Amino acid sequence: MRAAVIADVPALARLRYEFRAALDPTAETEAAFVARCVEWMAVRLEAGTWRAWVAEEAPGGSIVGTVWLHLIEKLPNPVLEPERHGYISSLYVRPAARGAGTGSTLLRACIDACAREGVDAILLWPTPASRGLYERHGFAVRDDLLERRLVAPPDHAGGM
């Protein structure tokens, strides 16, 4: 596992498509999505507004997993409370590489980065199949967080 670099972006965009296309019907072609996603990812990795890690089959081998982290600033606070949140997104390991701890290793990279940055809380939206992974790493459903969806979420009944 290592930090993602700009040269990884095309592979990361393809992994993102693979991940999301397995959950819901797609709204654009793979080629169109990958082109759009490559641009988005490259800008954010270069600027450092998002961080990503990759898992490779072997050093220098093909990328089999990834995770993304965005640090969100909170408003300044006069009490003893950290002023950042972490948002983890797109933790994905190709099916053939699952079961070997790759997802846990990628998740640990995000958690460790958040700890170094003094993050208050880490947020994410799991798929039904990934809930156990997050729970094993200390994530729990909160009763003090509200959400208002502006678009109905897709049905993930057959998701990962």
Protein backbone atom coordinates (compact mmCIF):
# COMPACT_ATOMS: atom_id res chain seq x y z
CA MET A 1 0.00 0.00 0.00
CA ARG A 2 1.19 3.51 -0.81
CA ALA A 3 -0.07 7.05 -1.31
CA ALA A 4 -1.62 7.62 -4.71
CA VAL A 5 0.20 9.82 -7.22
CA ILE A 6 -1.01 11.64 -10.32
CA ALA A 7 0.16 8.79 -12.57
CA ASP A 8 -2.35 6.51 -10.77
CA VAL A 9 -5.36 8.65 -11.67
CA PRO A 10 -6.49 6.75 -14.82
CA ALA A 11 -6.48 3.46 -12.89
CA LEU A 12 -8.24 5.10 -9.95
CA ALA A 13 -10.96 6.47 -12.22
CA ARG A 14 -11.52 3.00 -13.68
CA LEU A 15 -11.74 1.52 -10.17
CA ARG A 16 -14.29 4.17 -9.22
CA TYR A 17 -16.40 3.23 -12.23
CA GLU A 18 -16.07 -0.47 -11.44
CA PHE A 19 -17.13 0.16 -7.83
CA ARG A 20 -20.16 2.31 -8.53
CA ALA A 21 -21.36 0.56 -11.70
CA ALA A 22 -21.66 -2.64 -9.67
CA LEU A 23 -24.06 -0.90 -7.26
CA ASP A 24 -26.42 1.04 -9.52
CA PRO A 25 -27.31 1.50 -13.18
CA THR A 26 -24.90 3.91 -14.82
CA ALA A 27 -25.94 7.27 -16.24
CA GLU A 28 -23.00 7.64 -18.63
CA THR A 29 -20.63 5.44 -20.59
CA GLU A 30 -17.51 4.13 -18.93
CA ALA A 31 -15.32 6.18 -21.27
CA ALA A 32 -17.22 9.40 -20.54
CA PHE A 33 -17.14 8.78 -16.80
CA VAL A 34 -13.44 7.90 -16.73
CA ALA A 35 -12.56 11.04 -18.71
CA ARG A 36 -14.59 13.23 -16.34
CA CYS A 37 -13.30 11.44 -13.25
CA VAL A 38 -9.63 11.61 -14.34
CA GLU A 39 -9.89 15.39 -14.58
CA TRP A 40 -11.62 15.66 -11.19
CA MET A 41 -9.14 13.34 -9.43
CA ALA A 42 -6.02 14.89 -10.94
CA VAL A 43 -7.00 18.41 -9.88
CA ARG A 44 -7.76 17.37 -6.31
CA LEU A 45 -4.76 15.11 -5.81
CA GLU A 46 -2.47 17.81 -7.20
CA ALA A 47 -4.00 20.47 -4.94
CA GLY A 48 -3.95 18.17 -1.91
CA THR A 49 -7.62 18.79 -1.15
CA TRP A 50 -8.19 15.03 -1.35
CA ARG A 51 -5.75 12.25 -0.52
CA ALA A 52 -5.85 8.70 -1.81
CA TRP A 53 -4.05 5.46 -1.17
CA VAL A 54 -3.67 2.45 -3.42
CA ALA A 55 -3.06 -1.23 -2.87
CA GLU A 56 -1.03 -3.02 -5.52
CA GLU A 57 -0.78 -6.72 -6.33
CA ALA A 58 2.97 -6.32 -5.79
CA PRO A 59 5.18 -3.22 -5.66
CA GLY A 60 4.79 -1.59 -9.06
CA GLY A 61 2.02 -4.03 -9.99
CA SER A 62 -1.56 -3.30 -10.96
CA ILE A 63 -3.74 -1.40 -8.50
CA VAL A 64 -6.32 -3.67 -6.86
CA GLY A 65 -7.75 -1.30 -4.25
CA THR A 66 -8.10 2.32 -3.27
CA VAL A 67 -9.54 4.69 -0.71
CA TRP A 68 -10.03 8.47 -0.70
CA LEU A 69 -9.95 10.95 2.21
CA HIS A 70 -11.08 14.56 2.35
CA LEU A 71 -10.45 16.70 5.41
CA ILE A 72 -13.29 19.13 6.15
CA GLU A 73 -12.63 22.24 8.19
CA LYS A 74 -15.04 23.05 10.97
CA LEU A 75 -15.75 26.59 12.05
CA PRO A 76 -13.38 27.85 14.75
CA ASN A 77 -14.54 26.66 18.15
CA PRO A 78 -13.77 28.23 21.56
CA VAL A 79 -13.92 24.85 23.34
CA LEU A 80 -11.48 21.95 23.42
CA GLU A 81 -12.71 20.20 20.29
CA PRO A 82 -10.72 19.48 17.12
CA GLU A 83 -11.70 21.66 14.18
CA ARG A 84 -11.66 19.09 11.37
CA HIS A 85 -13.73 16.17 10.20
CA GLY A 86 -12.54 13.40 7.91
CA TYR A 87 -14.67 12.07 5.07
CA ILE A 88 -13.73 8.65 3.70
CA SER A 89 -15.03 7.71 0.28
CA SER A 90 -14.67 5.06 -2.36
CA LEU A 91 -12.94 2.35 -0.36
CA TYR A 92 -12.89 -0.38 -2.97
CA VAL A 93 -10.96 -3.60 -3.43
CA ARG A 94 -11.38 -5.67 -6.56
CA PRO A 95 -13.28 -8.90 -5.81
CA ALA A 96 -10.31 -11.16 -6.65
CA ALA A 97 -8.16 -9.33 -4.07
CA ARG A 98 -10.67 -9.38 -1.21
CA GLY A 99 -10.29 -11.41 1.95
CA ALA A 100 -6.58 -10.72 2.46
CA GLY A 101 -6.87 -7.61 4.67
CA THR A 102 -6.44 -5.10 1.84
CA GLY A 103 -9.57 -3.13 2.76
CA SER A 104 -8.47 -2.96 6.40
CA THR A 105 -5.01 -1.77 5.39
CA LEU A 106 -6.45 0.99 3.20
CA LEU A 107 -8.93 2.04 5.90
CA ARG A 108 -6.17 2.10 8.50
CA ALA A 109 -4.20 4.54 6.29
CA CYS A 110 -7.14 6.98 6.41
CA ILE A 111 -7.68 6.55 10.14
CA ASP A 112 -3.97 7.09 10.83
CA ALA A 113 -3.91 10.22 8.63
CA CYS A 114 -6.93 11.58 10.48
CA ALA A 115 -5.26 10.91 13.84
CA ARG A 116 -2.12 12.76 12.73
CA GLU A 117 -4.25 15.70 11.55
CA GLY A 118 -6.22 15.98 14.81
CA VAL A 119 -9.56 15.10 13.25
CA ASP A 120 -12.66 15.23 15.48
CA ALA A 121 -14.78 12.59 13.70
CA ILE A 122 -14.56 10.49 10.54
CA LEU A 123 -17.70 10.17 8.45
CA LEU A 124 -18.59 7.82 5.62
CA TRP A 125 -21.52 6.21 3.85
CA PRO A 126 -21.04 2.43 3.73
CA THR A 127 -22.55 -0.03 1.32
CA PRO A 128 -24.50 -2.82 3.02
CA ALA A 129 -21.66 -5.26 2.40
CA SER A 130 -18.97 -2.94 3.82
CA ARG A 131 -20.66 -2.17 7.16
CA GLY A 132 -18.90 -5.03 8.95
CA LEU A 133 -15.47 -3.79 7.86
CA TYR A 134 -16.16 -0.33 9.25
CA GLU A 135 -17.67 -1.66 12.46
CA ARG A 136 -14.55 -3.80 13.03
CA HIS A 137 -12.55 -0.57 12.87
CA GLY A 138 -14.68 1.26 15.45
CA PHE A 139 -17.25 2.99 13.25
CA ALA A 140 -20.79 3.11 14.64
CA VAL A 141 -24.17 4.52 13.74
CA ARG A 142 -24.57 7.87 15.49
CA ASP A 143 -27.72 9.32 16.98
CA ASP A 144 -26.50 12.93 16.86
CA LEU A 145 -26.04 13.33 13.11
CA LEU A 146 -28.87 14.43 10.86
CA GLU A 147 -29.06 14.21 7.10
CA ARG A 148 -31.46 15.65 4.57
CA ARG A 149 -31.30 14.03 1.15
CA LEU A 150 -32.14 16.30 -1.76
CA VAL A 151 -32.16 13.39 -4.20
CA ALA A 152 -33.58 10.00 -3.30
CA PRO A 153 -30.75 7.51 -2.71
CA PRO A 154 -30.53 4.58 -5.11
CA ASP A 155 -31.69 1.17 -3.98
CA HIS A 156 -28.58 -0.78 -2.93
CA ALA A 157 -30.39 -4.05 -2.27
CA GLY A 158 -28.09 -5.95 -4.61
CA GLY A 159 -25.00 -3.91 -3.73
CA MET A 160 -21.62 -4.90 -2.45
